[in-house]
Every structure is written in C-alpha cells, then in structure tokens.
Amino acid sequence: MTDAKPVLELEDIVKTFPGVRALDGVSFSVMPGEVHALMGENGAGKSTLMKVLGGIHQPDGGAIRMGGEQVVMAGPLEAKARGVMFIHQELSLATELSVAENVYLGELPRKRFGRVDWATLRDRTDAILKKLRVSFDARTRVGDLSIANQQMVEIARALTVDAKAVIFDEPTASLTDAEKVVLFDVIADLKASGVGIIYISHRMEEIFRITDRITVLRDGQYQGTVATAEMTEESVTQMMIGRKLDLSRNVARHALGDVALAVRGLSCGALYRDVSFEVRRGEIVGFYGLVGAGRTEIAETLFGLRDPSAGQILLDGEAVRIRSPADAIARGISLVPEDRKGQGLVLGMNCRDNMTLPQVDDLTAGPFMAEGAEVAIFDQYRDRLDIRTPNWKQRVGNLSGGNQQKIVIGKWLSMHPSVLIVDEPTRGIDVGSKSEIHKLLRELAAQGYAVMVISSEMPEVLHVSDRIVAMYSGRVMRTFTAGEVTENSLIQAISGI
C-alpha cells in the first residue's frame, strides 16, 4: 500500500461560510485497499470536507486529486462518475418507490424507446441484496422497511458502480448487531478489491475494529493522521476534543422525589405486552433492548402517537388517557424523538423558530409573533446547552448533528415538562457532545425532572441511568438498579434469558 498512489487526496482545502471558516487548510488522503477513519466532534468540519469531495460545496482554496490527477468536482453526479460513492447517515431515499428504483435511481436500465427494463432492474438489485443478506427483495416499497433496512438500501446503492472510493457516514447508527457484521463483511470485500474506504463514525469500537488509519479534525483544522494500531480510545478522544471525558457510572447524588410517571400492564397489540415501570422525579430510567424490543413504541404511546390496547398510564398517581401529542404536552410530557431530522426539526427553518415551535400559540400577539420573547427563549437554551451557531437566524439544516440534537432538546425543555423522554439522545453525535448531553441529562434529573432515556448503546445506558429496564420482544425482562447491573446480566436480559 505504501508504494501505491492515493485513490484520492484533498490538499489544503479551505471553505468559508458567512461568519464561519468551516475548513482551514485541511488535508486528507485514502490509499487503495485502506479503511481510513475521519473523526472529530460535531462541527469539526468532517461533513463539509466530504461535501467538498462530493461536489456539493466548491472549495475556496486547495486541490482535489484522484490517482495523482487534479480534478474539479462540479457536482454529485461528477463525483459519482469518477467513482466516489457516498453512504449517508441521514437517509436520502424515495419512500414511495421500490427498493430497485431507489438503488438505481437516475440510472434505470432501459429497453428500446426508453422503456424501463424492469426484469433487468430487479435481477441486478436482487443480486446486490443477496450480498447484503437482507430479508426483503427488489420489489419491496422502501417506505414499508424499517430504518435499519432503509440503511441497507443506502449501502446497496454504493455497490452498483465500480467505485474507487466509498464514504460511509455513521453507517451503523440504525443497524442491529447482525446487520453490522454484514456491513463489515461488505467493507472487507471492498477493501480486498482495492477500493479506498473513508469511514466516519463516533463509535470507537468500530474505529478500532476495522480502520487502518485515523485523521482527526477539530474546529475546521487538521489535527493529524495516525495509525489506528498505535492509538487508544483515550488518545484519539484527546486529539478530537483536547480534554479528558468523564466516563464514570451515574450515581444519583440527590434525593429522589415522588413517582411522576407510572405505567401498569400497558400493551399495544403485538408491539409490546404487559409493560409496567415507574419513573420518580430526580431519576433517570434507561430502556435497553435490541431493535424491535418495543422501547420506542412505548415512548410513542406515552406521547399520544399510539393508542394502547390495555393497561394504565398514571401521572402523579392519577390515571390519564393521552389521545394526542397535544394531550401529552398539556400534561407535562415531552418526547425528544429518535429521528431528529425527520421528526424533531424543520430543517429549512432557523434555529429560533425550531426552538419555539411548540409554543407558537403562546407567543402570538394578535396576528404577529412576539419576536423578542422567541429570541429570549432561544438565547436561554443556546447558552444552557452550549449550542454552537453564529446566531438564531442560521438554518437548522446547516448545523452539525450534535447542535441539531441540542436544538431539539432545548425545544422540549423550554416547555418545562415534568417527564422528559429522550429516544437515542446521542445517535450520530461525537464523543464530546455525547459527554455534554449525558451531563445535561444528569443535571436535569438533579433539578427534579423525571427522565426516560432509550438507547441502543450499552455504555450510554450504564453511564446515565439510575435504573435500567431491560426489554426483549415487547416485554420487560428485568429492571436493574445502577449498583447491581453488569454488562453480562444486561445482555442476558435483552436476549430473553
């Protein structure tokens, strides 16, 4: 590999947006048959660098080379034509179309007179899906697939061309452990065939499992490139954020209050059955289980998005019926959803309007919005959550993933709930922002909030929770206290043992 030319190089890339120097002389390269991690906190410049490579942004300085030849990426189609493929964290699929139509979107095989060759299209797609060992076929409507399977469709897209470089952006964020194994097999096959892999992830165990080198960015600047085998998680983290993290287990240092939320024998068809638990004021209760365990569906029921088929929900000891999100909000329940872009934000709106969206009626003075009150709310939570944006006028879609998540959390905190439900609070977020959000959740509990945290990451659940509800196939298997839980006992519980 050392004698070969890089598949691609980005040299001294500069990119400036109004008020922000997003990239300040950043260099990066990937060799044939190499898996090269690109790491940094949210807002470090990773996404901007990849958008420059993909032709979405034009650099203000620097050069892009492929096989030693300088090129100009005029747009995404040119990047693809040159063999640069992207697998995005945030899905970009047409949900009303079939899997086959999505996989070959823009490149459908044609017969005479321009008619689509459906048989060829489906055969080609099914051959790719067979490599990915998925349970659906080319004819399946994408909107009928789970988020995890939709991610596999994104991955299938990259296997349709003779790629020279493939960029994976948080590819495992929605995948089960079994699907991750398939993904890593696909990456190994690409690597063996000489494809250069750029792997963007905040999950350290994946970085140390599959990558050869690591390049770190911080605040738009290049921090260095190192061999993965020569680093530790702690040393990489310090390169990324310039400080050590608090990795201790959560231990409540305050007295718990009364039971704010109690669930008794709650069921919702085949999604979950006979679920019971309670959350006290000042307590964080974590929910952990495999995909399909029913955790998110319970949260959606508590927020009025699903009707339970049996059981009771009690708030402060009083049985309630929650028919809609408006009911839930009125009763002091807020939900930070798993899919922040699809369910938590309006990406085309600015930060202030996203933050105050649930309060539009309260902030309306006649036909006009009380702009001063809106800005005051935004300023309060920007400071409290350390949201990094030049001003409230910035489009939320232009923020990093971590700052977007903070906007969603701030939006619901500004409603002053008594019960805060947070579903996958750090999905796709860097280790520094994760630490900040974990600290925030503990602070909220100390202030008397009753907090439910749903997470697919065991270290996260162990780190923030006072108690952990382990779920398997729609049932509560066991509830652990922070003092008694072990990784082994938790794995057994969520495996149905």
Protein backbone atom coordinates (compact mmCIF):
# COMPACT_ATOMS: atom_id res chain seq x y z
CA MET A 1 0.00 0.00 0.00
CA THR A 2 2.90 2.37 0.73
CA ASP A 3 4.17 2.30 -2.90
CA ALA A 4 0.76 2.95 -4.42
CA LYS A 5 -0.69 6.37 -5.21
CA PRO A 6 -3.62 7.52 -3.08
CA VAL A 7 -7.04 6.82 -4.55
CA LEU A 8 -7.88 10.40 -3.71
CA GLU A 9 -6.27 13.36 -1.98
CA LEU A 10 -7.65 16.58 -0.58
CA GLU A 11 -4.87 19.12 -0.10
CA ASP A 12 -5.09 22.36 1.95
CA ILE A 13 -8.87 22.61 1.49
CA VAL A 14 -10.38 25.92 2.61
CA LYS A 15 -14.12 26.57 2.85
CA THR A 16 -15.75 29.64 4.36
CA PHE A 17 -19.43 30.33 5.02
CA PRO A 18 -20.81 33.67 6.25
CA GLY A 19 -19.33 34.15 9.71
CA VAL A 20 -17.71 30.70 9.81
CA ARG A 21 -14.42 29.30 8.47
CA ALA A 22 -15.57 25.68 8.24
CA LEU A 23 -12.30 24.29 6.81
CA ASP A 24 -8.93 25.92 7.32
CA GLY A 25 -6.27 24.25 5.17
CA VAL A 26 -7.37 20.64 5.72
CA SER A 27 -5.54 17.76 4.01
CA PHE A 28 -6.69 14.15 3.77
CA SER A 29 -5.91 11.11 1.62
CA VAL A 30 -7.02 7.48 1.30
CA MET A 31 -4.98 4.65 -0.22
CA PRO A 32 -6.25 1.71 -2.32
CA GLY A 33 -7.48 -1.06 -0.02
CA GLU A 34 -7.39 1.17 3.07
CA VAL A 35 -10.11 1.92 5.61
CA HIS A 36 -9.34 5.45 6.78
CA ALA A 37 -11.36 6.93 9.65
CA LEU A 38 -12.25 10.63 9.60
CA MET A 39 -13.02 11.76 13.14
CA GLY A 40 -13.84 14.90 15.07
CA GLU A 41 -16.56 16.48 17.15
CA ASN A 42 -19.79 17.61 15.50
CA GLY A 43 -18.92 20.88 13.81
CA ALA A 44 -15.26 19.88 13.34
CA GLY A 45 -15.63 20.03 9.54
CA LYS A 46 -16.00 16.36 8.58
CA SER A 47 -19.30 16.77 6.72
CA THR A 48 -18.13 19.96 5.00
CA LEU A 49 -14.95 18.22 3.81
CA MET A 50 -16.96 15.33 2.39
CA LYS A 51 -19.38 17.75 0.71
CA VAL A 52 -16.39 19.37 -0.98
CA LEU A 53 -15.26 15.94 -2.14
CA GLY A 54 -18.78 15.15 -3.35
CA GLY A 55 -19.15 18.38 -5.33
CA ILE A 56 -21.91 19.78 -3.13
CA HIS A 57 -19.63 22.63 -1.99
CA GLN A 58 -16.89 24.21 -4.07
CA PRO A 59 -13.72 24.89 -2.06
CA ASP A 60 -12.39 28.43 -1.64
CA GLY A 61 -8.84 27.07 -1.78
CA GLY A 62 -6.86 23.85 -2.12
CA ALA A 63 -7.00 20.95 -4.55
CA ILE A 64 -8.62 17.54 -5.06
CA ARG A 65 -6.64 14.78 -6.78
CA MET A 66 -7.66 11.32 -7.91
CA GLY A 67 -4.90 8.92 -8.93
CA GLY A 68 -2.47 11.85 -8.81
CA GLU A 69 -4.50 13.94 -11.29
CA GLN A 70 -6.10 17.19 -10.12
CA VAL A 71 -9.85 17.21 -10.65
CA VAL A 72 -12.75 19.60 -10.10
CA MET A 73 -15.89 18.06 -8.62
CA ALA A 74 -18.54 20.15 -10.32
CA GLY A 75 -21.37 18.29 -8.62
CA PRO A 76 -22.52 15.00 -7.10
CA LEU A 77 -23.03 13.35 -10.50
CA GLU A 78 -19.45 14.08 -11.48
CA ALA A 79 -18.19 12.68 -8.17
CA LYS A 80 -20.17 9.51 -8.80
CA ALA A 81 -18.92 9.29 -12.39
CA ARG A 82 -15.36 9.43 -11.04
CA GLY A 83 -16.11 6.52 -8.72
CA VAL A 84 -16.71 8.40 -5.45
CA MET A 85 -19.76 6.94 -3.67
CA PHE A 86 -21.45 8.20 -0.52
CA ILE A 87 -23.46 6.24 2.04
CA HIS A 88 -25.15 8.88 4.14
CA GLN A 89 -26.11 8.76 7.79
CA GLU A 90 -29.33 10.65 7.08
CA LEU A 91 -31.34 8.64 4.60
CA SER A 92 -31.98 10.12 1.15
CA LEU A 93 -34.47 7.61 -0.20
CA ALA A 94 -37.73 7.98 -2.14
CA THR A 95 -40.03 6.11 0.23
CA GLU A 96 -42.87 5.65 -2.28
CA LEU A 97 -40.61 3.86 -4.77
CA SER A 98 -39.41 0.25 -4.69
CA VAL A 99 -36.02 -0.84 -3.42
CA ALA A 100 -34.85 -1.47 -7.00
CA GLU A 101 -35.92 2.01 -8.16
CA ASN A 102 -34.06 3.59 -5.24
CA VAL A 103 -30.90 1.56 -5.75
CA TYR A 104 -30.65 2.53 -9.43
CA LEU A 105 -32.34 5.94 -9.18
CA GLY A 106 -31.26 8.05 -12.16
CA GLU A 107 -29.67 5.03 -13.85
CA LEU A 108 -32.60 2.70 -14.54
CA PRO A 109 -31.74 0.13 -17.26
CA ARG A 110 -33.67 0.85 -20.46
CA LYS A 111 -35.11 -1.07 -23.39
CA ARG A 112 -35.90 0.32 -26.83
CA PHE A 113 -37.73 3.65 -26.96
CA GLY A 114 -36.62 4.47 -23.41
CA ARG A 115 -38.83 1.97 -21.60
CA VAL A 116 -37.56 0.75 -18.23
CA ASP A 117 -36.19 -2.81 -18.31
CA TRP A 118 -37.92 -3.94 -15.11
CA ALA A 119 -36.70 -7.54 -15.24
CA THR A 120 -33.04 -6.48 -15.51
CA LEU A 121 -33.52 -3.83 -12.83
CA ARG A 122 -34.93 -6.35 -10.35
CA ASP A 123 -32.37 -9.04 -11.16
CA ARG A 124 -29.46 -6.65 -10.64
CA THR A 125 -30.93 -5.33 -7.39
CA ASP A 126 -31.68 -8.80 -6.01
CA ALA A 127 -28.08 -9.85 -6.73
CA ILE A 128 -26.82 -6.91 -4.63
CA LEU A 129 -29.35 -7.59 -1.85
CA LYS A 130 -28.19 -11.22 -1.73
CA LYS A 131 -24.67 -9.98 -0.87
CA LEU A 132 -26.14 -7.92 1.96
CA ARG A 133 -28.11 -10.91 3.29
CA VAL A 134 -31.31 -8.92 3.83
CA SER A 135 -34.81 -10.31 4.19
CA PHE A 136 -36.54 -8.08 1.59
CA ASP A 137 -36.36 -8.06 -2.20
CA ALA A 138 -36.17 -5.59 -5.07
CA ARG A 139 -39.94 -5.12 -5.32
CA THR A 140 -40.42 -4.03 -1.70
CA ARG A 141 -41.64 -0.46 -1.18
CA VAL A 142 -38.93 1.43 0.72
CA GLY A 143 -41.50 3.17 2.94
CA ASP A 144 -42.53 -0.24 4.30
CA LEU A 145 -39.00 -1.00 5.54
CA SER A 146 -37.59 -0.30 9.00
CA ILE A 147 -34.99 2.45 9.39
CA ALA A 148 -32.30 -0.25 9.68
CA ASN A 149 -33.35 -1.88 6.40
CA GLN A 150 -33.57 1.50 4.70
CA GLN A 151 -29.93 1.99 5.71
CA MET A 152 -29.13 -1.29 3.96
CA VAL A 153 -30.77 0.11 0.79
CA GLU A 154 -28.42 3.12 1.05
CA ILE A 155 -25.49 0.70 1.27
CA ALA A 156 -26.79 -1.25 -1.75
CA ARG A 157 -26.59 1.94 -3.83
CA ALA A 158 -22.81 2.05 -3.40
CA LEU A 159 -22.43 -1.45 -4.81
CA THR A 160 -23.99 -0.57 -8.18
CA VAL A 161 -20.87 1.01 -9.68
CA ASP A 162 -17.16 0.31 -9.99
CA ALA A 163 -16.25 2.51 -7.03
CA LYS A 164 -12.76 3.86 -6.39
CA ALA A 165 -13.63 5.38 -3.01
CA VAL A 166 -16.66 4.81 -0.78
CA ILE A 167 -17.53 7.17 2.06
CA PHE A 168 -19.50 5.66 4.95
CA ASP A 169 -21.05 8.34 7.19
CA GLU A 170 -22.20 6.80 10.51
CA PRO A 171 -23.41 3.69 8.62
CA THR A 172 -24.22 1.62 11.73
CA ALA A 173 -26.33 4.21 13.55
CA SER A 174 -29.55 2.32 12.74
CA LEU A 175 -28.22 -1.23 12.30
CA THR A 176 -28.59 -4.26 14.54
CA ASP A 177 -25.51 -6.22 15.61
CA ALA A 178 -26.21 -8.86 12.92
CA GLU A 179 -26.52 -6.18 10.23
CA LYS A 180 -23.27 -4.59 11.40
CA VAL A 181 -21.48 -7.91 10.79
CA VAL A 182 -22.80 -7.93 7.21
CA LEU A 183 -21.71 -4.32 6.72
CA PHE A 184 -18.19 -5.05 7.96
CA ASP A 185 -18.03 -8.04 5.58
CA VAL A 186 -19.02 -5.72 2.70
CA ILE A 187 -16.30 -3.25 3.72
CA ALA A 188 -13.76 -6.08 3.88
CA ASP A 189 -14.73 -7.17 0.34
CA LEU A 190 -14.39 -3.60 -0.96
CA LYS A 191 -11.03 -3.27 0.77
CA ALA A 192 -9.79 -6.55 -0.74
CA SER A 193 -10.73 -5.32 -4.21
CA GLY A 194 -8.61 -2.17 -3.79
CA VAL A 195 -11.35 0.34 -3.03
CA GLY A 196 -10.42 3.15 -0.65
CA ILE A 197 -12.84 3.47 2.27
CA ILE A 198 -13.46 6.66 4.24
CA TYR A 199 -15.23 5.74 7.47
CA ILE A 200 -16.89 8.46 9.56
CA SER A 201 -18.11 7.26 12.94
CA HIS A 202 -18.20 8.27 16.59
CA ARG A 203 -18.22 4.64 17.73
CA MET A 204 -14.73 3.90 18.96
CA GLU A 205 -15.15 0.11 18.99
CA GLU A 206 -15.88 0.21 15.24
CA ILE A 207 -12.96 2.53 14.51
CA PHE A 208 -10.51 0.21 16.27
CA ARG A 209 -12.08 -2.89 14.72
CA ILE A 210 -11.98 -2.05 11.03
CA THR A 211 -9.79 1.00 10.26
CA ASP A 212 -6.11 1.26 9.29
CA ARG A 213 -5.53 4.98 9.87
CA ILE A 214 -7.31 7.83 11.64
CA THR A 215 -7.39 11.50 10.65
CA VAL A 216 -8.72 13.95 13.23
CA LEU A 217 -10.24 17.39 12.63
CA ARG A 218 -11.02 19.99 15.27
CA ASP A 219 -12.77 23.32 14.62
CA GLY A 220 -12.14 23.02 10.88
CA GLN A 221 -8.41 22.40 11.30
CA TYR A 222 -6.29 19.31 10.65
CA GLN A 223 -5.01 17.76 13.89
CA GLY A 224 -3.04 14.86 12.45
CA THR A 225 -3.14 11.38 10.90
CA VAL A 226 -2.17 8.33 12.97
CA ALA A 227 -2.04 4.56 12.60
CA THR A 228 -5.03 3.04 14.37
CA ALA A 229 -2.94 0.24 15.87
CA GLU A 230 -0.73 2.80 17.65
CA MET A 231 -3.60 4.63 19.37
CA THR A 232 -6.02 4.11 22.26
CA GLU A 233 -9.58 5.35 22.64
CA GLU A 234 -8.40 7.89 25.19
CA SER A 235 -5.61 9.25 22.98
CA VAL A 236 -7.95 9.63 19.98
CA THR A 237 -10.56 11.35 22.16
CA GLN A 238 -7.99 13.84 23.42
CA MET A 239 -6.96 14.61 19.82
CA MET A 240 -10.60 15.25 18.99
CA ILE A 241 -11.66 17.41 21.91
CA GLY A 242 -8.48 18.44 23.69
CA ARG A 243 -9.65 17.22 27.08
CA LYS A 244 -10.45 14.06 29.04
CA LEU A 245 -14.02 12.81 29.39
CA ASP A 246 -15.97 11.85 32.48
CA LEU A 247 -16.58 8.13 31.92
CA SER A 248 -17.82 7.29 35.43
CA ARG A 249 -21.09 5.48 36.10
CA ASN A 250 -24.08 7.59 37.08
CA VAL A 251 -24.65 7.77 40.82
CA ALA A 252 -27.59 9.95 41.91
CA ARG A 253 -26.27 12.41 44.48
CA HIS A 254 -29.68 13.85 45.25
CA ALA A 255 -32.81 12.57 46.92
CA LEU A 256 -35.44 11.13 44.58
CA GLY A 257 -38.91 12.63 44.66
CA ASP A 258 -42.37 11.18 44.22
CA VAL A 259 -43.36 8.92 41.32
CA ALA A 260 -44.07 11.25 38.40
CA LEU A 261 -44.94 8.56 35.83
CA ALA A 262 -46.23 5.04 36.39
CA VAL A 263 -47.17 2.51 33.74
CA ARG A 264 -49.26 -0.52 34.71
CA GLY A 265 -49.80 -3.51 32.40
CA LEU A 266 -49.54 -1.40 29.25
CA SER A 267 -49.95 -3.24 25.94
CA CYS A 268 -50.13 -2.17 22.30
CA GLY A 269 -51.14 -5.07 20.07
CA ALA A 270 -48.13 -7.16 19.09
CA LEU A 271 -45.65 -4.30 19.63
CA TYR A 272 -45.35 -4.73 23.41
CA ARG A 273 -47.28 -6.51 26.13
CA ASP A 274 -47.97 -6.11 29.86
CA VAL A 275 -45.31 -3.45 30.43
CA SER A 276 -45.01 -1.94 33.91
CA PHE A 277 -42.49 0.55 35.30
CA GLU A 278 -42.27 3.87 37.10
CA VAL A 279 -40.08 6.97 36.98
CA ARG A 280 -39.56 9.20 40.00
CA ARG A 281 -38.70 12.88 39.99
CA GLY A 282 -34.95 13.23 40.02
CA GLU A 283 -34.43 9.82 38.42
CA ILE A 284 -33.12 8.65 35.05
CA VAL A 285 -34.60 5.33 33.95
CA GLY A 286 -32.84 3.80 30.96
CA PHE A 287 -34.55 1.46 28.48
CA TYR A 288 -32.29 -1.01 26.74
CA GLY A 289 -33.01 -3.79 24.25
CA LEU A 290 -32.49 -5.00 20.73
CA VAL A 291 -34.19 -3.43 17.71
CA GLY A 292 -37.87 -4.44 17.84
CA ALA A 293 -37.96 -4.77 21.64
CA GLY A 294 -40.76 -2.18 21.85
CA ARG A 295 -38.90 0.67 23.56
CA THR A 296 -39.69 3.42 21.04
CA GLU A 297 -43.29 2.24 20.72
CA ILE A 298 -43.78 2.69 24.49
CA ALA A 299 -42.44 6.24 24.22
CA GLU A 300 -44.79 6.95 21.30
CA THR A 301 -47.72 5.67 23.36
CA LEU A 302 -46.83 7.93 26.29
CA PHE A 303 -46.66 10.87 23.88
CA GLY A 304 -50.05 10.14 22.32
CA LEU A 305 -48.79 8.83 19.00
CA ARG A 306 -50.16 5.30 19.60
CA ASP A 307 -53.28 4.06 21.35
CA PRO A 308 -52.65 1.34 23.95
CA SER A 309 -54.79 -1.78 23.74
CA ALA A 310 -54.65 -2.37 27.51
CA GLY A 311 -53.18 -1.01 30.72
CA GLN A 312 -52.91 2.32 32.53
CA ILE A 313 -50.76 5.44 32.45
CA LEU A 314 -50.59 7.38 35.72
CA LEU A 315 -49.19 10.87 36.18
CA ASP A 316 -48.66 11.89 39.81
CA GLY A 317 -50.83 8.95 40.79
CA GLU A 318 -53.77 9.94 38.56
CA ALA A 319 -54.83 7.64 35.70
CA VAL A 320 -54.84 9.59 32.41
CA ARG A 321 -55.78 8.97 28.80
CA ILE A 322 -53.37 10.52 26.33
CA ARG A 323 -55.02 10.76 22.93
CA SER A 324 -52.54 13.03 21.11
CA PRO A 325 -49.20 14.81 21.46
CA ALA A 326 -51.13 17.93 22.44
CA ASP A 327 -52.60 15.96 25.38
CA ALA A 328 -49.13 14.77 26.37
CA ILE A 329 -47.62 18.25 26.22
CA ALA A 330 -50.50 19.70 28.24
CA ARG A 331 -49.87 17.05 30.91
CA GLY A 332 -46.14 17.81 31.08
CA ILE A 333 -44.70 15.02 28.89
CA SER A 334 -42.11 15.86 26.23
CA LEU A 335 -40.51 13.50 23.72
CA VAL A 336 -37.15 14.01 22.01
CA PRO A 337 -37.60 11.58 19.08
CA GLU A 338 -35.10 9.10 17.67
CA ASP A 339 -35.14 10.65 14.18
CA ARG A 340 -34.21 14.27 14.85
CA LYS A 341 -34.29 15.33 11.20
CA GLY A 342 -37.48 13.54 10.22
CA GLN A 343 -39.47 14.09 13.42
CA GLY A 344 -37.72 16.66 15.58
CA LEU A 345 -36.80 19.56 13.28
CA VAL A 346 -37.91 21.61 10.29
CA LEU A 347 -34.56 21.80 8.53
CA GLY A 348 -35.42 24.81 6.36
CA MET A 349 -36.40 26.95 9.35
CA ASN A 350 -34.00 28.93 11.52
CA CYS A 351 -32.82 27.95 15.00
CA ARG A 352 -35.15 30.30 16.86
CA ASP A 353 -38.30 29.15 15.07
CA ASN A 354 -37.42 25.48 15.59
CA MET A 355 -36.78 26.08 19.28
CA THR A 356 -40.13 27.79 19.87
CA LEU A 357 -42.31 25.75 17.50
CA PRO A 358 -44.44 24.05 20.23
CA GLN A 359 -45.14 27.47 21.77
CA VAL A 360 -46.36 29.31 18.66
CA ASP A 361 -49.84 29.91 20.10
CA ASP A 362 -48.49 31.18 23.43
CA LEU A 363 -46.03 33.55 21.75
CA THR A 364 -48.53 35.05 19.31
CA ALA A 365 -49.67 38.60 19.99
CA GLY A 366 -52.67 39.16 17.72
CA PRO A 367 -51.58 38.35 14.15
CA PHE A 368 -47.88 38.72 15.00
CA MET A 369 -45.24 36.68 16.77
CA ALA A 370 -43.62 38.15 19.88
CA GLU A 371 -40.14 38.11 18.36
CA GLY A 372 -38.40 39.37 21.49
CA ALA A 373 -39.82 36.53 23.57
CA GLU A 374 -38.80 33.99 20.92
CA VAL A 375 -35.24 35.29 20.83
CA ALA A 376 -35.07 35.30 24.64
CA ILE A 377 -36.08 31.62 24.74
CA PHE A 378 -33.52 30.73 22.10
CA ASP A 379 -30.74 32.70 23.83
CA GLN A 380 -31.51 31.00 27.16
CA TYR A 381 -31.21 27.47 25.80
CA ARG A 382 -28.34 28.26 23.44
CA ASP A 383 -26.31 29.29 26.49
CA ARG A 384 -27.61 26.48 28.69
CA LEU A 385 -26.90 23.73 26.13
CA ASP A 386 -23.84 25.37 24.52
CA ILE A 387 -25.43 25.35 21.05
CA ARG A 388 -22.78 26.47 18.57
CA THR A 389 -24.27 28.70 15.89
CA PRO A 390 -23.38 32.25 14.77
CA ASN A 391 -26.90 33.48 15.61
CA TRP A 392 -30.55 32.43 15.77
CA LYS A 393 -31.03 33.16 12.05
CA GLN A 394 -28.92 30.15 11.00
CA ARG A 395 -30.89 27.42 9.22
CA VAL A 396 -31.05 24.32 11.40
CA GLY A 397 -30.16 22.20 8.36
CA ASN A 398 -26.73 23.89 8.32
CA LEU A 399 -25.87 22.85 11.90
CA SER A 400 -23.86 19.81 12.90
CA GLY A 401 -25.72 16.74 14.18
CA GLY A 402 -24.82 17.46 17.80
CA ASN A 403 -26.06 21.03 17.64
CA GLN A 404 -29.25 19.90 15.89
CA GLN A 405 -29.88 17.46 18.75
CA LYS A 406 -29.37 20.24 21.27
CA ILE A 407 -31.95 22.36 19.44
CA VAL A 408 -34.48 19.50 19.76
CA ILE A 409 -33.71 19.04 23.46
CA GLY A 410 -33.91 22.79 24.06
CA LYS A 411 -37.25 22.97 22.26
CA TRP A 412 -38.80 20.49 24.68
CA LEU A 413 -37.05 21.79 27.79
CA SER A 414 -38.50 25.22 27.04
CA MET A 415 -41.95 23.65 27.58
CA HIS A 416 -40.90 22.92 31.21
CA PRO A 417 -42.06 19.28 31.24
CA SER A 418 -42.21 17.15 34.37
CA VAL A 419 -41.46 13.97 32.34
CA LEU A 420 -38.80 14.10 29.63
CA ILE A 421 -38.48 11.12 27.26
CA VAL A 422 -35.29 11.05 25.19
CA ASP A 423 -35.05 8.42 22.44
CA GLU A 424 -31.48 7.71 21.26
CA PRO A 425 -30.17 11.03 22.66
CA THR A 426 -26.69 10.78 21.11
CA ARG A 427 -27.31 8.94 17.84
CA GLY A 428 -24.73 10.12 15.33
CA ILE A 429 -23.10 12.52 17.81
CA ASP A 430 -19.42 12.82 18.63
CA VAL A 431 -17.89 11.83 21.97
CA GLY A 432 -17.54 15.41 23.18
CA SER A 433 -21.18 16.29 22.52
CA LYS A 434 -22.22 12.92 23.97
CA SER A 435 -20.47 13.79 27.20
CA GLU A 436 -22.21 17.19 27.28
CA ILE A 437 -25.65 15.64 26.70
CA HIS A 438 -25.05 12.96 29.35
CA LYS A 439 -24.03 15.68 31.81
CA LEU A 440 -27.13 17.68 30.85
CA LEU A 441 -29.43 14.70 31.47
CA ARG A 442 -27.94 14.19 34.92
CA GLU A 443 -28.35 17.90 35.68
CA LEU A 444 -31.99 17.78 34.59
CA ALA A 445 -32.61 14.83 36.91
CA ALA A 446 -30.94 16.73 39.76
CA GLN A 447 -33.35 19.62 39.07
CA GLY A 448 -36.32 17.30 39.58
CA TYR A 449 -37.18 16.13 36.09
CA ALA A 450 -38.33 12.54 35.65
CA VAL A 451 -36.21 11.32 32.72
CA MET A 452 -36.63 8.28 30.46
CA VAL A 453 -33.64 7.50 28.23
CA ILE A 454 -33.99 4.98 25.38
CA SER A 455 -30.67 3.92 23.90
CA SER A 456 -29.17 1.16 21.77
CA GLU A 457 -25.73 1.81 23.26
CA MET A 458 -24.96 -0.18 26.41
CA PRO A 459 -22.20 2.18 27.65
CA GLU A 460 -24.65 5.08 27.42
CA VAL A 461 -27.40 3.31 29.37
CA LEU A 462 -24.93 2.20 32.02
CA HIS A 463 -23.41 5.67 32.22
CA VAL A 464 -26.54 7.81 32.71
CA SER A 465 -29.19 5.56 34.30
CA ASP A 466 -30.21 5.20 37.94
CA ARG A 467 -32.28 2.16 36.94
CA ILE A 468 -32.37 0.17 33.70
CA VAL A 469 -35.42 -1.55 32.19
CA ALA A 470 -34.24 -4.44 30.00
CA MET A 471 -36.68 -5.38 27.22
CA TYR A 472 -36.94 -8.33 24.88
CA SER A 473 -39.56 -8.91 22.19
CA GLY A 474 -42.07 -6.43 23.61
CA ARG A 475 -41.74 -7.49 27.25
CA VAL A 476 -39.91 -6.18 30.30
CA MET A 477 -37.48 -8.92 31.27
CA ARG A 478 -35.91 -7.30 34.30
CA THR A 479 -35.35 -3.93 35.98
CA PHE A 480 -31.84 -3.28 37.35
CA THR A 481 -30.52 -0.67 39.73
CA ALA A 482 -27.30 1.08 38.75
CA GLY A 483 -25.49 -0.66 41.59
CA GLU A 484 -26.42 -4.22 40.65
CA VAL A 485 -26.34 -4.21 36.85
CA THR A 486 -23.45 -5.76 34.94
CA GLU A 487 -22.84 -5.92 31.20
CA ASN A 488 -23.30 -9.68 31.26
CA SER A 489 -26.59 -9.59 33.18
CA LEU A 490 -27.91 -6.88 30.88
CA ILE A 491 -27.00 -8.84 27.74
CA GLN A 492 -28.70 -11.93 29.12
CA ALA A 493 -31.87 -9.99 29.91
CA ILE A 494 -32.21 -8.39 26.46
CA SER A 495 -31.55 -11.77 24.84
CA GLY A 496 -34.60 -13.27 26.54
CA ILE A 497 -32.58 -15.27 29.08
